Protein backbone atom coordinates (compact mmCIF):
# COMPACT_ATOMS: atom_id res chain seq x y z
CA UNK A 1 0.00 0.00 0.00
CA UNK A 2 1.26 3.43 -0.87
CA UNK A 3 0.81 5.35 2.36
CA UNK A 4 -0.23 8.64 0.72
CA UNK A 5 -3.94 7.88 1.07
CA UNK A 6 -3.36 6.75 4.63
CA UNK A 7 -1.47 9.94 5.52
CA UNK A 8 -4.23 12.18 4.11
CA UNK A 9 -7.02 10.17 5.72
CA UNK A 10 -5.26 10.07 9.08
CA UNK A 11 -4.70 13.84 8.97
CA UNK A 12 -8.43 14.36 8.36
CA UNK A 13 -9.34 11.92 11.14
CA UNK A 14 -6.74 13.38 13.52
CA UNK A 15 -8.30 16.84 13.29
CA UNK A 16 -11.46 15.55 14.99
CA UNK A 17 -10.44 12.31 16.69
CA UNK A 18 -6.72 12.38 17.52
CA UNK A 19 -6.87 9.35 19.84
CA UNK A 20 -8.57 7.21 17.20
CA UNK A 21 -6.10 8.39 14.54
CA UNK A 22 -3.21 7.39 16.82
CA UNK A 23 -4.70 3.90 17.40
CA UNK A 24 -5.29 3.42 13.67
CA UNK A 25 -1.80 4.62 12.77
CA UNK A 26 -0.20 2.26 15.31
CA UNK A 27 -2.29 -0.76 14.29
CA UNK A 28 -0.44 -3.69 12.79
CA UNK A 29 -2.32 -5.37 9.95
CA UNK A 30 -3.25 -8.93 10.79
CA UNK A 31 -4.92 -11.31 8.38
CA UNK A 32 -5.74 -8.38 6.07
CA UNK A 33 -4.77 -8.72 2.46
CA UNK A 34 -5.34 -6.58 -0.60
CA UNK A 35 -6.87 -8.42 -3.54
CA UNK A 36 -7.00 -7.48 -7.18
CA UNK A 37 -10.52 -6.94 -8.49
CA UNK A 38 -11.82 -7.86 -11.90
CA UNK A 39 -12.02 -4.15 -12.85
CA UNK A 40 -8.36 -3.55 -11.95
CA UNK A 41 -9.01 -1.83 -8.60
CA UNK A 42 -8.12 -3.36 -5.25
CA UNK A 43 -10.30 -4.61 -2.44
CA UNK A 44 -9.50 -6.04 0.97
CA UNK A 45 -10.09 -9.33 2.69
CA UNK A 46 -9.87 -9.82 6.43
CA UNK A 47 -9.39 -13.42 7.54
CA UNK A 48 -10.65 -14.43 4.11
CA UNK A 49 -13.83 -12.30 4.31
CA UNK A 50 -14.13 -9.64 1.63
CA UNK A 51 -14.62 -6.08 2.92
CA UNK A 52 -15.77 -4.88 -0.49
CA UNK A 53 -16.77 -6.13 -3.91
CA UNK A 54 -14.37 -8.05 -6.13
CA UNK A 55 -16.22 -6.77 -9.19
CA UNK A 56 -17.03 -3.06 -9.08
CA UNK A 57 -16.78 -1.42 -5.66
CA UNK A 58 -17.91 2.00 -6.85
CA UNK A 59 -21.13 0.78 -8.47
CA UNK A 60 -21.94 -1.39 -5.48
CA UNK A 61 -21.22 1.52 -3.10
CA UNK A 62 -23.59 3.70 -5.14
CA UNK A 63 -26.31 1.04 -4.92
CA UNK A 64 -25.85 0.65 -1.17
CA UNK A 65 -25.94 4.43 -0.64
CA UNK A 66 -29.03 4.81 -2.83
CA UNK A 67 -30.81 2.11 -0.86
CA UNK A 68 -29.92 3.79 2.44
CA UNK A 69 -30.86 7.27 1.20
CA UNK A 70 -34.26 6.24 -0.14
CA UNK A 71 -35.71 6.03 3.36
CA UNK A 72 -34.46 9.57 4.17
CA UNK A 73 -33.05 8.36 7.51
CA UNK A 74 -32.41 10.69 10.44
CA UNK A 75 -29.41 8.57 11.46
CA UNK A 76 -27.34 5.81 9.82
CA UNK A 77 -25.61 3.16 11.87
CA UNK A 78 -22.95 1.19 9.99
CA UNK A 79 -21.62 -2.05 11.40
CA UNK A 80 -18.15 -2.17 9.91
CA UNK A 81 -16.27 0.36 7.80
CA UNK A 82 -15.83 -1.98 4.85
CA UNK A 83 -13.94 -0.03 2.19
CA UNK A 84 -15.70 3.20 3.20
CA UNK A 85 -16.94 3.97 -0.31
CA UNK A 86 -20.68 3.99 0.35
CA UNK A 87 -20.36 6.74 2.98
CA UNK A 88 -19.21 9.34 0.44
CA UNK A 89 -22.03 8.31 -1.86
CA UNK A 90 -24.54 8.57 0.99
CA UNK A 91 -23.26 12.06 1.92
CA UNK A 92 -23.94 13.20 -1.67
CA UNK A 93 -27.48 11.80 -1.70
CA UNK A 94 -28.70 12.50 1.82
CA UNK A 95 -26.99 14.33 4.65
CA UNK A 96 -27.60 12.82 8.07
CA UNK A 97 -25.44 11.76 11.03
CA UNK A 98 -23.50 8.53 10.50
CA UNK A 99 -22.11 6.34 13.27
CA UNK A 100 -19.65 3.68 12.13
CA UNK A 101 -18.82 0.82 14.47
CA UNK A 102 -15.42 -0.58 13.47
CA UNK A 103 -13.81 -2.40 16.37
CA UNK A 104 -10.60 -3.36 14.52
CA UNK A 105 -8.18 -0.45 14.01
CA UNK A 106 -6.07 -2.60 11.63
CA UNK A 107 -9.05 -3.09 9.28
CA UNK A 108 -9.74 0.63 9.40
CA UNK A 109 -6.09 1.39 8.69
CA UNK A 110 -6.06 -0.94 5.67
CA UNK A 111 -9.22 0.70 4.25
CA UNK A 112 -7.85 4.20 4.80
CA UNK A 113 -4.67 3.20 2.95
CA UNK A 114 -6.29 1.47 -0.02
CA UNK A 115 -7.10 3.77 -2.95
CA UNK A 116 -9.29 6.60 -1.70
CA UNK A 117 -9.28 9.73 0.40
CA UNK A 118 -12.29 10.42 2.59
CA UNK A 119 -12.81 14.12 3.38
CA UNK A 120 -16.09 13.24 5.11
CA UNK A 121 -14.02 11.78 7.98
CA UNK A 122 -13.73 15.38 9.14
CA UNK A 123 -17.48 16.04 9.15
CA UNK A 124 -18.93 16.86 12.57
CA UNK A 125 -21.83 14.46 12.12
CA UNK A 126 -19.70 11.41 11.25
CA UNK A 127 -18.44 9.28 14.14
CA UNK A 128 -16.29 6.17 14.15
CA UNK A 129 -16.43 4.17 17.35
CA UNK A 130 -14.59 1.04 18.39
CA UNK A 131 -16.54 -0.25 21.36
CA UNK A 132 -20.16 -1.23 21.92
CA UNK A 133 -20.38 1.21 24.85
CA UNK A 134 -19.28 4.13 22.62
CA UNK A 135 -21.85 3.05 20.05
CA UNK A 136 -24.58 2.87 22.68
CA UNK A 137 -23.74 6.38 23.88
CA UNK A 138 -23.93 7.77 20.35
CA UNK A 139 -27.32 6.21 19.71
CA UNK A 140 -28.57 7.32 23.12
CA UNK A 141 -27.40 10.91 22.55
CA UNK A 142 -28.95 11.05 19.08
CA UNK A 143 -32.21 9.29 19.87
CA UNK A 144 -35.49 11.13 19.55
CA UNK A 145 -38.97 9.59 19.40
CA UNK A 146 -39.81 8.68 15.82
CA UNK A 147 -36.14 8.55 14.78
CA UNK A 148 -35.72 6.98 11.33
CA UNK A 149 -32.68 4.78 11.83
CA UNK A 150 -31.08 2.80 9.01
CA UNK A 151 -28.56 0.06 9.76
CA UNK A 152 -25.98 -1.05 7.22
CA UNK A 153 -23.64 -4.01 7.62
CA UNK A 154 -20.16 -3.99 6.02
CA UNK A 155 -20.69 -1.15 3.60
CA UNK A 156 -18.50 -1.25 0.51
């Protein structure tokens, strides 16, 4: 991996979440491997499980974001960062707070170093948490009666 994407993404993350950026930067990749996709891009696998499409990550991210945005949610909860691509697409279609639960800093590091920069990491209404208690606090703080919550698992 090149490191230039990682450096830019960590700088964006560090501006809002310096402790998380430090943990991600220090994380040692374990069982995470880049894989060549059929369209020439790269994806990641963690312990053999793909974190994004092997075919066309961008198109699949657009589909996932469109599906999430259709319901006009008040709050999106993502279980896993995946490759992070669907978050940018979602931000373009529908602006709402996003909470991302990614417990493994090494997986997050690998995604931040892959092929993309993510300026939305610096948005005030985007949170990345690494523990269930942090996630619970975020949902509790953002909860209002009638909240339209969308949950996404392993976004691409």
